[in-house]
Amino acid sequence: MHKEDINANILADKLILFDSNPTSIATSIAERMKRNRLELNLTQNALASRSGVSFGSVRRFENTGEISLKSLIMIAIALDSTEEFSSLFSSLKYKTIEDVLSLHEPKTKKRGRIN
């Protein structure tokens, strides 16, 4: 892979932070998975066999970004890329001391308005 391609891939990975809708996130994940698959010289069929995910699911994921969570995890295991899952839904990152202190304030239930 050329240096320009690597830089473009890094930039594309960073841009996902600014365009956070479900479709763009799923598409970005699928593109990174495909890139990893190709770097390992695996065909879609070979990845399907290695991961235990159907060929159709691998193909659909690369084309549309749609896949079940279980299949995504199985593919990540096959590509040795499971470490990213440990940061998913990790503890909140606080920006100010007020954010931390507000955690200990009693929470009040709010009711919706009845029309």
PDB file of N, CA and C in Angstrom:
ATOM      1  N   MET A   1       0.837  -1.170   0.000  1.00  0.00           N
ATOM      2  CA  MET A   1       0.000   0.000   0.000  1.00  0.00           C
ATOM      3  C   MET A   1       0.888   1.242   0.000  1.00  0.00           C
ATOM      4  N   HIS A   2       0.542   2.215  -0.825  1.00  0.00           N
ATOM      5  CA  HIS A   2       1.319   3.436  -0.931  1.00  0.00           C
ATOM      6  C   HIS A   2       1.052   4.355   0.263  1.00  0.00           C
ATOM      7  N   LYS A   3       2.024   5.232   0.522  1.00  0.00           N
ATOM      8  CA  LYS A   3       1.906   6.172   1.637  1.00  0.00           C
ATOM      9  C   LYS A   3       0.669   7.053   1.485  1.00  0.00           C
ATOM     10  N   GLU A   4       0.353   7.477   0.246  1.00  0.00           N
ATOM     11  CA  GLU A   4      -0.824   8.309   0.015  1.00  0.00           C
ATOM     12  C   GLU A   4      -2.094   7.556   0.364  1.00  0.00           C
ATOM     13  N   ASP A   5      -2.137   6.261   0.019  1.00  0.00           N
ATOM     14  CA  ASP A   5      -3.307   5.442   0.336  1.00  0.00           C
ATOM     15  C   ASP A   5      -3.475   5.290   1.843  1.00  0.00           C
ATOM     16  N   ILE A   6      -2.366   5.082   2.541  1.00  0.00           N
ATOM     17  CA  ILE A   6      -2.416   4.939   3.999  1.00  0.00           C
ATOM     18  C   ILE A   6      -2.913   6.230   4.630  1.00  0.00           C
ATOM     19  N   ASN A   7      -2.381   7.375   4.175  1.00  0.00           N
ATOM     20  CA  ASN A   7      -2.829   8.664   4.706  1.00  0.00           C
ATOM     21  C   ASN A   7      -4.302   8.908   4.413  1.00  0.00           C
ATOM     22  N   ALA A   8      -4.759   8.533   3.242  1.00  0.00           N
ATOM     23  CA  ALA A   8      -6.171   8.692   2.893  1.00  0.00           C
ATOM     24  C   ALA A   8      -7.041   7.820   3.782  1.00  0.00           C
ATOM     25  N   ASN A   9      -6.583   6.593   4.069  1.00  0.00           N
ATOM     26  CA  ASN A   9      -7.344   5.694   4.941  1.00  0.00           C
ATOM     27  C   ASN A   9      -7.422   6.239   6.355  1.00  0.00           C
ATOM     28  N   ILE A  10      -6.326   6.786   6.862  1.00  0.00           N
ATOM     29  CA  ILE A  10      -6.320   7.371   8.205  1.00  0.00           C
ATOM     30  C   ILE A  10      -7.281   8.553   8.256  1.00  0.00           C
ATOM     31  N   LEU A  11      -7.243   9.404   7.242  1.00  0.00           N
ATOM     32  CA  LEU A  11      -8.137  10.551   7.200  1.00  0.00           C
ATOM     33  C   LEU A  11      -9.589  10.099   7.138  1.00  0.00           C
ATOM     34  N   ALA A  12      -9.879   9.097   6.327  1.00  0.00           N
ATOM     35  CA  ALA A  12     -11.250   8.592   6.217  1.00  0.00           C
ATOM     36  C   ALA A  12     -11.730   8.039   7.558  1.00  0.00           C
ATOM     37  N   ASP A  13     -10.841   7.344   8.276  1.00  0.00           N
ATOM     38  CA  ASP A  13     -11.201   6.808   9.589  1.00  0.00           C
ATOM     39  C   ASP A  13     -11.517   7.928  10.567  1.00  0.00           C
ATOM     40  N   LYS A  14     -10.797   9.045  10.489  1.00  0.00           N
ATOM     41  CA  LYS A  14     -11.019  10.172  11.391  1.00  0.00           C
ATOM     42  C   LYS A  14     -12.301  10.919  11.037  1.00  0.00           C
ATOM     43  N   LEU A  15     -12.651  10.983   9.763  1.00  0.00           N
ATOM     44  CA  LEU A  15     -13.835  11.718   9.340  1.00  0.00           C
ATOM     45  C   LEU A  15     -15.120  11.111   9.867  1.00  0.00           C
ATOM     46  N   ILE A  16     -15.106   9.831  10.198  1.00  0.00           N
ATOM     47  CA  ILE A  16     -16.305   9.188  10.721  1.00  0.00           C
ATOM     48  C   ILE A  16     -16.778   9.880  11.996  1.00  0.00           C
ATOM     49  N   LEU A  17     -15.867  10.504  12.724  1.00  0.00           N
ATOM     50  CA  LEU A  17     -16.242  11.207  13.949  1.00  0.00           C
ATOM     51  C   LEU A  17     -17.160  12.376  13.664  1.00  0.00           C
ATOM     52  N   PHE A  18     -17.061  12.970  12.478  1.00  0.00           N
ATOM     53  CA  PHE A  18     -17.840  14.151  12.150  1.00  0.00           C
ATOM     54  C   PHE A  18     -19.158  13.808  11.469  1.00  0.00           C
ATOM     55  N   ASP A  19     -19.291  12.625  10.962  1.00  0.00           N
ATOM     56  CA  ASP A  19     -20.489  12.217  10.242  1.00  0.00           C
ATOM     57  C   ASP A  19     -21.072  10.992  10.945  1.00  0.00           C
ATOM     58  N   SER A  20     -21.676  11.214  12.092  1.00  0.00           N
ATOM     59  CA  SER A  20     -22.108  10.102  12.926  1.00  0.00           C
ATOM     60  C   SER A  20     -23.574   9.752  12.721  1.00  0.00           C
ATOM     61  N   ASN A  21     -23.864   9.126  11.614  1.00  0.00           N
ATOM     62  CA  ASN A  21     -25.186   8.542  11.449  1.00  0.00           C
ATOM     63  C   ASN A  21     -24.984   7.046  11.248  1.00  0.00           C
ATOM     64  N   PRO A  22     -25.984   6.245  11.545  1.00  0.00           N
ATOM     65  CA  PRO A  22     -25.793   4.788  11.505  1.00  0.00           C
ATOM     66  C   PRO A  22     -25.266   4.252  10.186  1.00  0.00           C
ATOM     67  N   THR A  23     -25.742   4.766   9.092  1.00  0.00           N
ATOM     68  CA  THR A  23     -25.306   4.270   7.785  1.00  0.00           C
ATOM     69  C   THR A  23     -23.840   4.567   7.532  1.00  0.00           C
ATOM     70  N   SER A  24     -23.398   5.789   7.824  1.00  0.00           N
ATOM     71  CA  SER A  24     -22.000   6.131   7.557  1.00  0.00           C
ATOM     72  C   SER A  24     -21.060   5.379   8.495  1.00  0.00           C
ATOM     73  N   ILE A  25     -21.464   5.167   9.737  1.00  0.00           N
ATOM     74  CA  ILE A  25     -20.628   4.408  10.663  1.00  0.00           C
ATOM     75  C   ILE A  25     -20.503   2.964  10.191  1.00  0.00           C
ATOM     76  N   ALA A  26     -21.629   2.351   9.817  1.00  0.00           N
ATOM     77  CA  ALA A  26     -21.609   0.965   9.345  1.00  0.00           C
ATOM     78  C   ALA A  26     -20.787   0.827   8.071  1.00  0.00           C
ATOM     79  N   THR A  27     -20.937   1.778   7.158  1.00  0.00           N
ATOM     80  CA  THR A  27     -20.178   1.751   5.905  1.00  0.00           C
ATOM     81  C   THR A  27     -18.682   1.880   6.178  1.00  0.00           C
ATOM     82  N   SER A  28     -18.324   2.751   7.093  1.00  0.00           N
ATOM     83  CA  SER A  28     -16.914   2.937   7.437  1.00  0.00           C
ATOM     84  C   SER A  28     -16.323   1.658   8.045  1.00  0.00           C
ATOM     85  N   ILE A  29     -17.062   1.016   8.925  1.00  0.00           N
ATOM     86  CA  ILE A  29     -16.598  -0.243   9.523  1.00  0.00           C
ATOM     87  C   ILE A  29     -16.427  -1.296   8.437  1.00  0.00           C
ATOM     88  N   ALA A  30     -17.388  -1.378   7.528  1.00  0.00           N
ATOM     89  CA  ALA A  30     -17.311  -2.367   6.438  1.00  0.00           C
ATOM     90  C   ALA A  30     -16.104  -2.093   5.542  1.00  0.00           C
ATOM     91  N   GLU A  31     -15.830  -0.835   5.260  1.00  0.00           N
ATOM     92  CA  GLU A  31     -14.673  -0.492   4.421  1.00  0.00           C
ATOM     93  C   GLU A  31     -13.363  -0.877   5.108  1.00  0.00           C
ATOM     94  N   ARG A  32     -13.271  -0.643   6.414  1.00  0.00           N
ATOM     95  CA  ARG A  32     -12.054  -1.013   7.145  1.00  0.00           C
ATOM     96  C   ARG A  32     -11.889  -2.531   7.200  1.00  0.00           C
ATOM     97  N   MET A  33     -12.997  -3.241   7.366  1.00  0.00           N
ATOM     98  CA  MET A  33     -12.933  -4.699   7.366  1.00  0.00           C
ATOM     99  C   MET A  33     -12.463  -5.205   6.003  1.00  0.00           C
ATOM    100  N   LYS A  34     -13.010  -4.635   4.940  1.00  0.00           N
ATOM    101  CA  LYS A  34     -12.604  -5.042   3.592  1.00  0.00           C
ATOM    102  C   LYS A  34     -11.126  -4.763   3.373  1.00  0.00           C
ATOM    103  N   ARG A  35     -10.663  -3.599   3.819  1.00  0.00           N
ATOM    104  CA  ARG A  35      -9.240  -3.255   3.685  1.00  0.00           C
ATOM    105  C   ARG A  35      -8.367  -4.285   4.405  1.00  0.00           C
ATOM    106  N   ASN A  36      -8.765  -4.662   5.619  1.00  0.00           N
ATOM    107  CA  ASN A  36      -8.010  -5.674   6.364  1.00  0.00           C
ATOM    108  C   ASN A  36      -8.037  -7.018   5.645  1.00  0.00           C
ATOM    109  N   ARG A  37      -9.205  -7.377   5.120  1.00  0.00           N
ATOM    110  CA  ARG A  37      -9.328  -8.645   4.389  1.00  0.00           C
ATOM    111  C   ARG A  37      -8.390  -8.667   3.194  1.00  0.00           C
ATOM    112  N   LEU A  38      -8.359  -7.582   2.446  1.00  0.00           N
ATOM    113  CA  LEU A  38      -7.507  -7.514   1.253  1.00  0.00           C
ATOM    114  C   LEU A  38      -6.022  -7.501   1.617  1.00  0.00           C
ATOM    115  N   GLU A  39      -5.676  -6.843   2.721  1.00  0.00           N
ATOM    116  CA  GLU A  39      -4.273  -6.834   3.159  1.00  0.00           C
ATOM    117  C   GLU A  39      -3.798  -8.246   3.507  1.00  0.00           C
ATOM    118  N   LEU A  40      -4.736  -9.090   3.941  1.00  0.00           N
ATOM    119  CA  LEU A  40      -4.399 -10.483   4.257  1.00  0.00           C
ATOM    120  C   LEU A  40      -4.558 -11.403   3.039  1.00  0.00           C
ATOM    121  N   ASN A  41      -4.833 -10.810   1.878  1.00  0.00           N
ATOM    122  CA  ASN A  41      -5.040 -11.565   0.632  1.00  0.00           C
ATOM    123  C   ASN A  41      -6.129 -12.625   0.773  1.00  0.00           C
ATOM    124  N   LEU A  42      -7.211 -12.260   1.449  1.00  0.00           N
ATOM    125  CA  LEU A  42      -8.341 -13.171   1.602  1.00  0.00           C
ATOM    126  C   LEU A  42      -9.460 -12.759   0.657  1.00  0.00           C
ATOM    127  N   THR A  43     -10.064 -13.730   0.028  1.00  0.00           N
ATOM    128  CA  THR A  43     -11.266 -13.457  -0.751  1.00  0.00           C
ATOM    129  C   THR A  43     -12.442 -13.393   0.215  1.00  0.00           C
ATOM    130  N   GLN A  44     -13.575 -12.909  -0.271  1.00  0.00           N
ATOM    131  CA  GLN A  44     -14.773 -12.911   0.562  1.00  0.00           C
ATOM    132  C   GLN A  44     -15.120 -14.341   0.968  1.00  0.00           C
ATOM    133  N   ASN A  45     -14.957 -15.261   0.045  1.00  0.00           N
ATOM    134  CA  ASN A  45     -15.268 -16.668   0.326  1.00  0.00           C
ATOM    135  C   ASN A  45     -14.331 -17.234   1.390  1.00  0.00           C
ATOM    136  N   ALA A  46     -13.039 -16.886   1.297  1.00  0.00           N
ATOM    137  CA  ALA A  46     -12.074 -17.370   2.280  1.00  0.00           C
ATOM    138  C   ALA A  46     -12.381 -16.796   3.666  1.00  0.00           C
ATOM    139  N   LEU A  47     -12.750 -15.512   3.727  1.00  0.00           N
ATOM    140  CA  LEU A  47     -13.108 -14.910   5.008  1.00  0.00           C
ATOM    141  C   LEU A  47     -14.361 -15.572   5.572  1.00  0.00           C
ATOM    142  N   ALA A  48     -15.308 -15.852   4.719  1.00  0.00           N
ATOM    143  CA  ALA A  48     -16.529 -16.527   5.161  1.00  0.00           C
ATOM    144  C   ALA A  48     -16.187 -17.885   5.779  1.00  0.00           C
ATOM    145  N   SER A  49     -15.336 -18.631   5.111  1.00  0.00           N
ATOM    146  CA  SER A  49     -14.935 -19.945   5.630  1.00  0.00           C
ATOM    147  C   SER A  49     -14.178 -19.817   6.939  1.00  0.00           C
ATOM    148  N   ARG A  50     -13.256 -18.873   7.005  1.00  0.00           N
ATOM    149  CA  ARG A  50     -12.424 -18.698   8.192  1.00  0.00           C
ATOM    150  C   ARG A  50     -13.256 -18.234   9.389  1.00  0.00           C
ATOM    151  N   SER A  51     -14.266 -17.400   9.138  1.00  0.00           N
ATOM    152  CA  SER A  51     -15.033 -16.806  10.231  1.00  0.00           C
ATOM    153  C   SER A  51     -16.275 -17.604  10.623  1.00  0.00           C
ATOM    154  N   GLY A  52     -16.750 -18.445   9.721  1.00  0.00           N
ATOM    155  CA  GLY A  52     -17.997 -19.159   9.991  1.00  0.00           C
ATOM    156  C   GLY A  52     -19.231 -18.338   9.655  1.00  0.00           C
ATOM    157  N   VAL A  53     -19.025 -17.204   8.989  1.00  0.00           N
ATOM    158  CA  VAL A  53     -20.120 -16.338   8.544  1.00  0.00           C
ATOM    159  C   VAL A  53     -20.399 -16.684   7.086  1.00  0.00           C
ATOM    160  N   SER A  54     -21.655 -16.675   6.690  1.00  0.00           N
ATOM    161  CA  SER A  54     -21.973 -17.043   5.315  1.00  0.00           C
ATOM    162  C   SER A  54     -21.349 -16.066   4.321  1.00  0.00           C
ATOM    163  N   PHE A  55     -21.067 -16.579   3.137  1.00  0.00           N
ATOM    164  CA  PHE A  55     -20.513 -15.748   2.070  1.00  0.00           C
ATOM    165  C   PHE A  55     -21.442 -14.580   1.770  1.00  0.00           C
ATOM    166  N   GLY A  56     -22.742 -14.840   1.738  1.00  0.00           N
ATOM    167  CA  GLY A  56     -23.718 -13.788   1.465  1.00  0.00           C
ATOM    168  C   GLY A  56     -23.674 -12.678   2.496  1.00  0.00           C
ATOM    169  N   SER A  57     -23.476 -13.037   3.747  1.00  0.00           N
ATOM    170  CA  SER A  57     -23.397 -12.022   4.804  1.00  0.00           C
ATOM    171  C   SER A  57     -22.141 -11.175   4.660  1.00  0.00           C
ATOM    172  N   VAL A  58     -21.022 -11.817   4.320  1.00  0.00           N
ATOM    173  CA  VAL A  58     -19.771 -11.065   4.115  1.00  0.00           C
ATOM    174  C   VAL A  58     -19.939 -10.113   2.940  1.00  0.00           C
ATOM    175  N   ARG A  59     -20.484 -10.604   1.853  1.00  0.00           N
ATOM    176  CA  ARG A  59     -20.690  -9.776   0.658  1.00  0.00           C
ATOM    177  C   ARG A  59     -21.645  -8.620   0.955  1.00  0.00           C
ATOM    178  N   ARG A  60     -22.766  -8.912   1.636  1.00  0.00           N
ATOM    179  CA  ARG A  60     -23.733  -7.866   1.973  1.00  0.00           C
ATOM    180  C   ARG A  60     -23.102  -6.808   2.882  1.00  0.00           C
ATOM    181  N   PHE A  61     -22.294  -7.255   3.842  1.00  0.00           N
ATOM    182  CA  PHE A  61     -21.648  -6.312   4.750  1.00  0.00           C
ATOM    183  C   PHE A  61     -20.730  -5.367   3.988  1.00  0.00           C
ATOM    184  N   GLU A  62     -19.918  -5.908   3.094  1.00  0.00           N
ATOM    185  CA  GLU A  62     -19.013  -5.051   2.325  1.00  0.00           C
ATOM    186  C   GLU A  62     -19.768  -4.100   1.401  1.00  0.00           C
ATOM    187  N   ASN A  63     -20.911  -4.524   0.891  1.00  0.00           N
ATOM    188  CA  ASN A  63     -21.666  -3.691  -0.053  1.00  0.00           C
ATOM    189  C   ASN A  63     -22.587  -2.681   0.616  1.00  0.00           C
ATOM    190  N   THR A  64     -23.148  -3.046   1.780  1.00  0.00           N
ATOM    191  CA  THR A  64     -24.168  -2.185   2.384  1.00  0.00           C
ATOM    192  C   THR A  64     -23.844  -1.748   3.812  1.00  0.00           C
ATOM    193  N   GLY A  65     -22.909  -2.440   4.463  1.00  0.00           N
ATOM    194  CA  GLY A  65     -22.622  -2.150   5.863  1.00  0.00           C
ATOM    195  C   GLY A  65     -23.560  -2.863   6.815  1.00  0.00           C
ATOM    196  N   GLU A  66     -24.461  -3.684   6.297  1.00  0.00           N
ATOM    197  CA  GLU A  66     -25.439  -4.380   7.134  1.00  0.00           C
ATOM    198  C   GLU A  66     -24.938  -5.770   7.503  1.00  0.00           C
ATOM    199  N   ILE A  67     -24.979  -6.069   8.824  1.00  0.00           N
ATOM    200  CA  ILE A  67     -24.549  -7.374   9.319  1.00  0.00           C
ATOM    201  C   ILE A  67     -25.034  -7.518  10.755  1.00  0.00           C
ATOM    202  N   SER A  68     -25.231  -8.737  11.195  1.00  0.00           N
ATOM    203  CA  SER A  68     -25.623  -8.935  12.589  1.00  0.00           C
ATOM    204  C   SER A  68     -24.398  -8.714  13.482  1.00  0.00           C
ATOM    205  N   LEU A  69     -24.647  -8.355  14.726  1.00  0.00           N
ATOM    206  CA  LEU A  69     -23.548  -8.137  15.661  1.00  0.00           C
ATOM    207  C   LEU A  69     -22.732  -9.411  15.836  1.00  0.00           C
ATOM    208  N   LYS A  70     -23.398 -10.543  15.949  1.00  0.00           N
ATOM    209  CA  LYS A  70     -22.687 -11.816  16.121  1.00  0.00           C
ATOM    210  C   LYS A  70     -21.770 -12.086  14.929  1.00  0.00           C
ATOM    211  N   SER A  71     -22.256 -11.869  13.726  1.00  0.00           N
ATOM    212  CA  SER A  71     -21.428 -12.094  12.532  1.00  0.00           C
ATOM    213  C   SER A  71     -20.266 -11.120  12.479  1.00  0.00           C
ATOM    214  N   LEU A  72     -20.506  -9.870  12.873  1.00  0.00           N
ATOM    215  CA  LEU A  72     -19.430  -8.882  12.907  1.00  0.00           C
ATOM    216  C   LEU A  72     -18.331  -9.325  13.875  1.00  0.00           C
ATOM    217  N   ILE A  73     -18.730  -9.819  15.031  1.00  0.00           N
ATOM    218  CA  ILE A  73     -17.744 -10.293  16.012  1.00  0.00           C
ATOM    219  C   ILE A  73     -16.986 -11.501  15.471  1.00  0.00           C
ATOM    220  N   MET A  74     -17.686 -12.404  14.794  1.00  0.00           N
ATOM    221  CA  MET A  74     -17.015 -13.580  14.228  1.00  0.00           C
ATOM    222  C   MET A  74     -15.994 -13.178  13.167  1.00  0.00           C
ATOM    223  N   ILE A  75     -16.327 -12.184  12.356  1.00  0.00           N
ATOM    224  CA  ILE A  75     -15.388 -11.681  11.351  1.00  0.00           C
ATOM    225  C   ILE A  75     -14.202 -11.008  12.038  1.00  0.00           C
ATOM    226  N   ALA A  76     -14.472 -10.219  13.063  1.00  0.00           N
ATOM    227  CA  ALA A  76     -13.391  -9.547  13.797  1.00  0.00           C
ATOM    228  C   ALA A  76     -12.431 -10.569  14.404  1.00  0.00           C
ATOM    229  N   ILE A  77     -12.961 -11.659  14.924  1.00  0.00           N
ATOM    230  CA  ILE A  77     -12.107 -12.722  15.470  1.00  0.00           C
ATOM    231  C   ILE A  77     -11.245 -13.319  14.360  1.00  0.00           C
ATOM    232  N   ALA A  78     -11.843 -13.578  13.211  1.00  0.00           N
ATOM    233  CA  ALA A  78     -11.099 -14.167  12.089  1.00  0.00           C
ATOM    234  C   ALA A  78     -10.006 -13.235  11.583  1.00  0.00           C
ATOM    235  N   LEU A  79     -10.219 -11.927  11.696  1.00  0.00           N
ATOM    236  CA  LEU A  79      -9.235 -10.947  11.233  1.00  0.00           C
ATOM    237  C   LEU A  79      -8.346 -10.442  12.364  1.00  0.00           C
ATOM    238  N   ASP A  80      -8.464 -11.062  13.528  1.00  0.00           N
ATOM    239  CA  ASP A  80      -7.684 -10.682  14.717  1.00  0.00           C
ATOM    240  C   ASP A  80      -7.840  -9.198  15.019  1.00  0.00           C
ATOM    241  N   SER A  81      -9.088  -8.742  15.052  1.00  0.00           N
ATOM    242  CA  SER A  81      -9.384  -7.330  15.276  1.00  0.00           C
ATOM    243  C   SER A  81     -10.429  -7.128  16.368  1.00  0.00           C
ATOM    244  N   THR A  82     -10.371  -7.911  17.418  1.00  0.00           N
ATOM    245  CA  THR A  82     -11.392  -7.811  18.459  1.00  0.00           C
ATOM    246  C   THR A  82     -11.101  -6.748  19.510  1.00  0.00           C
ATOM    247  N   GLU A  83      -9.872  -6.236  19.552  1.00  0.00           N
ATOM    248  CA  GLU A  83      -9.520  -5.281  20.601  1.00  0.00           C
ATOM    249  C   GLU A  83     -10.363  -4.005  20.534  1.00  0.00           C
ATOM    250  N   GLU A  84     -10.850  -3.644  19.364  1.00  0.00           N
ATOM    251  CA  GLU A  84     -11.662  -2.440  19.232  1.00  0.00           C
ATOM    252  C   GLU A  84     -12.980  -2.548  19.986  1.00  0.00           C
ATOM    253  N   PHE A  85     -13.492  -3.766  20.149  1.00  0.00           N
ATOM    254  CA  PHE A  85     -14.754  -3.944  20.854  1.00  0.00           C
ATOM    255  C   PHE A  85     -14.641  -3.580  22.334  1.00  0.00           C
ATOM    256  N   SER A  86     -13.452  -3.677  22.900  1.00  0.00           N
ATOM    257  CA  SER A  86     -13.301  -3.368  24.325  1.00  0.00           C
ATOM    258  C   SER A  86     -13.521  -1.891  24.623  1.00  0.00           C
ATOM    259  N   SER A  87     -13.360  -1.023  23.640  1.00  0.00           N
ATOM    260  CA  SER A  87     -13.577   0.403  23.883  1.00  0.00           C
ATOM    261  C   SER A  87     -15.008   0.835  23.563  1.00  0.00           C
ATOM    262  N   LEU A  88     -15.772  -0.030  22.946  1.00  0.00           N
ATOM    263  CA  LEU A  88     -17.155   0.285  22.630  1.00  0.00           C
ATOM    264  C   LEU A  88     -17.967   0.371  23.912  1.00  0.00           C
ATOM    265  N   PHE A  89     -18.642   1.469  24.124  1.00  0.00           N
ATOM    266  CA  PHE A  89     -19.442   1.729  25.324  1.00  0.00           C
ATOM    267  C   PHE A  89     -18.606   1.686  26.590  1.00  0.00           C
ATOM    268  N   SER A  90     -17.338   2.067  26.493  1.00  0.00           N
ATOM    269  CA  SER A  90     -16.500   2.130  27.687  1.00  0.00           C
ATOM    270  C   SER A  90     -16.986   3.286  28.552  1.00  0.00           C
ATOM    271  N   SER A  91     -16.406   3.432  29.716  1.00  0.00           N
ATOM    272  CA  SER A  91     -16.882   4.461  30.637  1.00  0.00           C
ATOM    273  C   SER A  91     -16.801   5.843  30.006  1.00  0.00           C
ATOM    274  N   LEU A  92     -17.656   6.706  30.493  1.00  0.00           N
ATOM    275  CA  LEU A  92     -17.746   8.059  29.947  1.00  0.00           C
ATOM    276  C   LEU A  92     -16.460   8.839  30.187  1.00  0.00           C
ATOM    277  N   LYS A  93     -16.168   9.717  29.273  1.00  0.00           N
ATOM    278  CA  LYS A  93     -15.017  10.604  29.435  1.00  0.00           C
ATOM    279  C   LYS A  93     -15.561  11.957  29.865  1.00  0.00           C
ATOM    280  N   TYR A  94     -15.039  12.460  30.962  1.00  0.00           N
ATOM    281  CA  TYR A  94     -15.516  13.717  31.517  1.00  0.00           C
ATOM    282  C   TYR A  94     -14.675  14.872  30.996  1.00  0.00           C
ATOM    283  N   LYS A  95     -15.342  15.992  30.735  1.00  0.00           N
ATOM    284  CA  LYS A  95     -14.642  17.167  30.229  1.00  0.00           C
ATOM    285  C   LYS A  95     -14.342  18.161  31.334  1.00  0.00           C
ATOM    286  N   THR A  96     -15.195  18.188  32.340  1.00  0.00           N
ATOM    287  CA  THR A  96     -14.993  19.148  33.427  1.00  0.00           C
ATOM    288  C   THR A  96     -15.251  18.463  34.763  1.00  0.00           C
ATOM    289  N   ILE A  97     -14.827  19.101  35.832  1.00  0.00           N
ATOM    290  CA  ILE A  97     -15.097  18.581  37.173  1.00  0.00           C
ATOM    291  C   ILE A  97     -16.599  18.622  37.463  1.00  0.00           C
ATOM    292  N   GLU A  98     -17.306  19.573  36.853  1.00  0.00           N
ATOM    293  CA  GLU A  98     -18.764  19.654  37.029  1.00  0.00           C
ATOM    294  C   GLU A  98     -19.448  18.403  36.483  1.00  0.00           C
ATOM    295  N   ASP A  99     -18.913  17.859  35.397  1.00  0.00           N
ATOM    296  CA  ASP A  99     -19.465  16.622  34.838  1.00  0.00           C
ATOM    297  C   ASP A  99     -19.369  15.488  35.858  1.00  0.00           C
ATOM    298  N   VAL A 100     -18.244  15.397  36.543  1.00  0.00           N
ATOM    299  CA  VAL A 100     -18.040  14.347  37.540  1.00  0.00           C
ATOM    300  C   VAL A 100     -18.958  14.581  38.731  1.00  0.00           C
ATOM    301  N   LEU A 101     -19.035  15.812  39.206  1.00  0.00           N
ATOM    302  CA  LEU A 101     -19.856  16.126  40.372  1.00  0.00           C
ATOM    303  C   LEU A 101     -21.344  15.921  40.091  1.00  0.00           C
ATOM    304  N   SER A 102     -21.755  16.167  38.881  1.00  0.00           N
ATOM    305  CA  SER A 102     -23.177  16.015  38.549  1.00  0.00           C
ATOM    306  C   SER A 102     -23.632  14.566  38.620  1.00  0.00           C
ATOM    307  N   LEU A 103     -22.708  13.624  38.581  1.00  0.00           N
ATOM    308  CA  LEU A 103     -23.071  12.219  38.696  1.00  0.00           C
ATOM    309  C   LEU A 103     -23.671  11.895  40.057  1.00  0.00           C
ATOM    310  N   HIS A 104     -23.284  12.647  41.069  1.00  0.00           N
ATOM    311  CA  HIS A 104     -23.733  12.358  42.424  1.00  0.00           C
ATOM    312  C   HIS A 104     -24.957  13.160  42.832  1.00  0.00           C
ATOM    313  N   GLU A 105     -25.463  14.013  41.950  1.00  0.00           N
ATOM    314  CA  GLU A 105     -26.677  14.754  42.231  1.00  0.00           C
ATOM    315  C   GLU A 105     -27.866  13.823  42.091  1.00  0.00           C
ATOM    316  N   PRO A 106     -28.850  13.965  42.990  1.00  0.00           N
ATOM    317  CA  PRO A 106     -30.033  13.107  42.881  1.00  0.00           C
ATOM    318  C   PRO A 106     -30.766  13.376  41.574  1.00  0.00           C
ATOM    319  N   LYS A 107     -31.191  12.332  40.956  1.00  0.00           N
ATOM    320  CA  LYS A 107     -31.902  12.459  39.692  1.00  0.00           C
ATOM    321  C   LYS A 107     -33.397  12.497  39.980  1.00  0.00           C
ATOM    322  N   THR A 108     -34.097  13.399  39.295  1.00  0.00           N
ATOM    323  CA  THR A 108     -35.534  13.493  39.457  1.00  0.00           C
ATOM    324  C   THR A 108     -36.193  12.979  38.193  1.00  0.00           C
ATOM    325  N   LYS A 109     -37.289  12.279  38.405  1.00  0.00           N
ATOM    326  CA  LYS A 109     -38.044  11.767  37.255  1.00  0.00           C
ATOM    327  C   LYS A 109     -38.881  12.904  36.689  1.00  0.00           C
ATOM    328  N   LYS A 110     -38.956  12.956  35.399  1.00  0.00           N
ATOM    329  CA  LYS A 110     -39.741  13.975  34.733  1.00  0.00           C
ATOM    330  C   LYS A 110     -40.851  13.285  33.967  1.00  0.00           C
ATOM    331  N   ARG A 111     -42.000  13.911  33.994  1.00  0.00           N
ATOM    332  CA  ARG A 111     -43.143  13.369  33.261  1.00  0.00           C
ATOM    333  C   ARG A 111     -43.350  14.152  31.989  1.00  0.00           C
ATOM    334  N   GLY A 112     -43.814  13.443  31.009  1.00  0.00           N
ATOM    335  CA  GLY A 112     -44.165  14.111  29.763  1.00  0.00           C
ATOM    336  C   GLY A 112     -45.488  14.837  29.911  1.00  0.00           C
ATOM    337  N   ARG A 113     -45.718  15.784  29.068  1.00  0.00           N
ATOM    338  CA  ARG A 113     -46.975  16.530  29.101  1.00  0.00           C
ATOM    339  C   ARG A 113     -48.087  15.709  28.502  1.00  0.00           C
ATOM    340  N   ILE A 114     -49.235  15.823  29.089  1.00  0.00           N
ATOM    341  CA  ILE A 114     -50.423  15.161  28.542  1.00  0.00           C
ATOM    342  C   ILE A 114     -51.196  16.195  27.749  1.00  0.00           C
ATOM    343  N   ASN A 115     -51.461  15.902  26.500  1.00  0.00           N
ATOM    344  CA  ASN A 115     -52.180  16.856  25.651  1.00  0.00           C
ATOM    345  C   ASN A 115     -53.651  16.585  25.670  1.00  0.00           C
TER     346      ASN A 115
END
